[in-house]
Each structure stands twice: as structure tokens, then as C-alpha cells.
Amino acid sequence: MTRGNQREKDRERANARAGGKAKGKDDGLTPEQRRERDAKALQEKLAKKAAGGSGDAGGKSTKK
């Protein structure tokens, strides 16, 4: 009957195993700021991929 804090203890252990990094949206940004940041990162990623050439970066091959 003394297992009332088991969930809390498990969370602490999981957090310790993860290196102290708590999961979640703890970056201090509003949803709009987060959306803008993610859109910018996606644009940069697409630009880098477009500049990379016509290599098979997707890992899918059409050869038989």
C-alpha cells in the first residue's frame, strides 16, 4: 500500500537515464515561433538537397 509515488520515481529514473534531458516543448518558444523555426529548417534542408545534385539520397534504387 506504500506505492503511491511509484510513477514519480519511475519518471525520475527515466530522466536520469536520458542524461537529464527532459522531453517536451521546453524550448521557451511560442507555437508560432516554433512553426517559423521548423519551416526555416525545412527550407534549408530542401535547399541543401537540391544543391546536392541528382544522387540517390533516398536510398531507393530502381535497378533490378
N, C-alpha and C. Protein backbone atom coordinates (compact mmCIF):
# COMPACT_ATOMS: atom_id res chain seq x y z
N MET A 1 0.81 -1.20 0.00
CA MET A 1 0.00 0.00 0.00
C MET A 1 0.85 1.27 0.00
N THR A 2 2.16 1.14 0.02
CA THR A 2 3.02 2.32 0.07
C THR A 2 3.62 2.60 -1.30
N ARG A 3 2.85 2.37 -2.35
CA ARG A 3 3.38 2.56 -3.71
C ARG A 3 2.78 3.80 -4.36
N GLY A 4 2.41 4.78 -3.60
CA GLY A 4 1.75 5.96 -4.14
C GLY A 4 2.64 6.83 -4.99
N ASN A 5 3.95 6.77 -4.80
CA ASN A 5 4.85 7.64 -5.57
C ASN A 5 5.66 6.85 -6.59
N GLN A 6 5.21 5.67 -6.93
CA GLN A 6 5.95 4.83 -7.87
C GLN A 6 6.10 5.50 -9.24
N ARG A 7 5.05 6.11 -9.72
CA ARG A 7 5.10 6.76 -11.02
C ARG A 7 6.12 7.89 -11.03
N GLU A 8 6.12 8.67 -9.96
CA GLU A 8 7.07 9.77 -9.86
C GLU A 8 8.51 9.26 -9.82
N LYS A 9 8.75 8.20 -9.07
CA LYS A 9 10.09 7.61 -9.01
C LYS A 9 10.53 7.10 -10.37
N ASP A 10 9.62 6.45 -11.08
CA ASP A 10 9.94 5.94 -12.40
C ASP A 10 10.29 7.07 -13.37
N ARG A 11 9.59 8.16 -13.27
CA ARG A 11 9.89 9.32 -14.12
C ARG A 11 11.28 9.86 -13.82
N GLU A 12 11.63 9.93 -12.53
CA GLU A 12 12.95 10.41 -12.15
C GLU A 12 14.04 9.49 -12.68
N ARG A 13 13.82 8.19 -12.57
CA ARG A 13 14.80 7.22 -13.08
C ARG A 13 14.96 7.34 -14.59
N ALA A 14 13.84 7.47 -15.30
CA ALA A 14 13.89 7.59 -16.76
C ALA A 14 14.61 8.87 -17.16
N ASN A 15 14.37 9.94 -16.44
CA ASN A 15 15.02 11.21 -16.72
C ASN A 15 16.53 11.10 -16.47
N ALA A 16 16.91 10.40 -15.42
CA ALA A 16 18.33 10.22 -15.12
C ALA A 16 19.00 9.38 -16.20
N ARG A 17 18.31 8.36 -16.68
CA ARG A 17 18.87 7.51 -17.73
C ARG A 17 19.01 8.28 -19.04
N ALA A 18 18.15 9.23 -19.28
CA ALA A 18 18.19 10.01 -20.51
C ALA A 18 19.24 11.12 -20.45
N GLY A 19 20.01 11.16 -19.42
CA GLY A 19 21.05 12.17 -19.31
C GLY A 19 20.56 13.48 -18.75
N GLY A 20 19.43 13.48 -18.10
CA GLY A 20 18.91 14.70 -17.51
C GLY A 20 18.13 15.56 -18.48
N LYS A 21 18.00 15.10 -19.71
CA LYS A 21 17.25 15.87 -20.70
C LYS A 21 15.79 15.47 -20.63
N ALA A 22 14.97 16.39 -20.21
CA ALA A 22 13.53 16.11 -20.12
C ALA A 22 12.91 16.30 -21.50
N LYS A 23 12.08 15.38 -21.88
CA LYS A 23 11.39 15.51 -23.16
C LYS A 23 10.26 16.52 -23.02
N GLY A 24 9.96 17.14 -24.11
CA GLY A 24 8.85 18.07 -24.10
C GLY A 24 9.17 19.35 -24.84
N LYS A 25 8.23 20.24 -24.83
CA LYS A 25 8.39 21.51 -25.53
C LYS A 25 8.89 22.56 -24.54
N ASP A 26 10.09 22.35 -24.07
CA ASP A 26 10.65 23.22 -23.05
C ASP A 26 11.69 24.16 -23.65
N ASP A 27 11.47 24.58 -24.90
CA ASP A 27 12.45 25.43 -25.54
C ASP A 27 12.14 26.92 -25.40
N GLY A 28 11.04 27.24 -24.73
CA GLY A 28 10.71 28.63 -24.46
C GLY A 28 10.14 29.38 -25.65
N LEU A 29 9.68 28.66 -26.66
CA LEU A 29 9.13 29.31 -27.84
C LEU A 29 7.61 29.17 -27.87
N THR A 30 6.99 30.17 -28.48
CA THR A 30 5.55 30.08 -28.69
C THR A 30 5.31 29.14 -29.88
N PRO A 31 4.11 28.64 -30.03
CA PRO A 31 3.84 27.77 -31.18
C PRO A 31 4.16 28.43 -32.53
N GLU A 32 3.90 29.72 -32.64
CA GLU A 32 4.20 30.43 -33.89
C GLU A 32 5.71 30.49 -34.14
N GLN A 33 6.48 30.78 -33.10
CA GLN A 33 7.94 30.82 -33.24
C GLN A 33 8.48 29.44 -33.60
N ARG A 34 7.93 28.42 -32.97
CA ARG A 34 8.37 27.05 -33.25
C ARG A 34 8.06 26.69 -34.70
N ARG A 35 6.89 27.10 -35.19
CA ARG A 35 6.49 26.83 -36.57
C ARG A 35 7.44 27.52 -37.55
N GLU A 36 7.79 28.78 -37.26
CA GLU A 36 8.72 29.51 -38.12
C GLU A 36 10.10 28.86 -38.13
N ARG A 37 10.57 28.45 -36.96
CA ARG A 37 11.88 27.80 -36.85
C ARG A 37 11.90 26.51 -37.65
N ASP A 38 10.84 25.71 -37.53
CA ASP A 38 10.78 24.44 -38.23
C ASP A 38 10.68 24.65 -39.74
N ALA A 39 9.92 25.65 -40.16
CA ALA A 39 9.80 25.95 -41.58
C ALA A 39 11.15 26.37 -42.16
N LYS A 40 11.88 27.19 -41.42
CA LYS A 40 13.19 27.63 -41.89
C LYS A 40 14.15 26.45 -42.01
N ALA A 41 14.13 25.56 -41.03
CA ALA A 41 15.00 24.38 -41.06
C ALA A 41 14.65 23.49 -42.25
N LEU A 42 13.36 23.34 -42.52
CA LEU A 42 12.93 22.52 -43.65
C LEU A 42 13.37 23.14 -44.97
N GLN A 43 13.25 24.48 -45.10
CA GLN A 43 13.69 25.15 -46.31
C GLN A 43 15.19 24.97 -46.54
N GLU A 44 15.97 25.08 -45.47
CA GLU A 44 17.41 24.89 -45.58
C GLU A 44 17.74 23.47 -45.99
N LYS A 45 17.02 22.52 -45.43
CA LYS A 45 17.24 21.11 -45.75
C LYS A 45 16.93 20.84 -47.23
N LEU A 46 15.81 21.39 -47.71
CA LEU A 46 15.43 21.20 -49.11
C LEU A 46 16.43 21.89 -50.05
N ALA A 47 16.92 23.07 -49.66
CA ALA A 47 17.89 23.78 -50.49
C ALA A 47 19.19 22.98 -50.56
N LYS A 48 19.60 22.42 -49.44
CA LYS A 48 20.83 21.63 -49.42
C LYS A 48 20.67 20.39 -50.30
N LYS A 49 19.49 19.76 -50.23
CA LYS A 49 19.24 18.57 -51.02
C LYS A 49 19.21 18.92 -52.51
N ALA A 50 18.62 20.06 -52.87
CA ALA A 50 18.55 20.47 -54.26
C ALA A 50 19.94 20.81 -54.79
N ALA A 51 20.79 21.38 -53.97
CA ALA A 51 22.13 21.75 -54.39
C ALA A 51 23.05 20.53 -54.44
N GLY A 52 22.65 19.45 -53.80
CA GLY A 52 23.49 18.25 -53.73
C GLY A 52 23.61 17.51 -55.03
N GLY A 53 22.72 17.72 -55.96
CA GLY A 53 22.81 17.04 -57.24
C GLY A 53 21.73 15.98 -57.36
N SER A 54 21.94 15.08 -58.32
CA SER A 54 20.92 14.07 -58.60
C SER A 54 21.30 12.72 -58.03
N GLY A 55 22.01 12.70 -56.94
CA GLY A 55 22.41 11.44 -56.31
C GLY A 55 21.20 10.74 -55.72
N ASP A 56 21.36 9.47 -55.43
CA ASP A 56 20.27 8.68 -54.87
C ASP A 56 20.28 8.78 -53.35
N ALA A 57 19.93 9.95 -52.83
CA ALA A 57 19.99 10.19 -51.40
C ALA A 57 18.88 9.48 -50.65
N GLY A 58 17.81 9.12 -51.36
CA GLY A 58 16.67 8.48 -50.70
C GLY A 58 16.93 7.04 -50.33
N GLY A 59 17.92 6.42 -50.95
CA GLY A 59 18.23 5.04 -50.63
C GLY A 59 17.37 4.06 -51.39
N LYS A 60 16.48 4.55 -52.23
CA LYS A 60 15.64 3.66 -53.01
C LYS A 60 16.25 3.51 -54.40
N SER A 61 16.41 2.29 -54.80
CA SER A 61 17.01 2.02 -56.11
C SER A 61 15.95 1.49 -57.07
N THR A 62 16.06 1.90 -58.32
CA THR A 62 15.11 1.43 -59.32
C THR A 62 15.73 0.32 -60.18
N LYS A 63 16.97 -0.04 -59.89
CA LYS A 63 17.63 -1.11 -60.64
C LYS A 63 17.07 -2.45 -60.25
N LYS A 64 17.05 -3.36 -61.22
CA LYS A 64 16.58 -4.74 -60.95
C LYS A 64 17.68 -5.73 -61.11
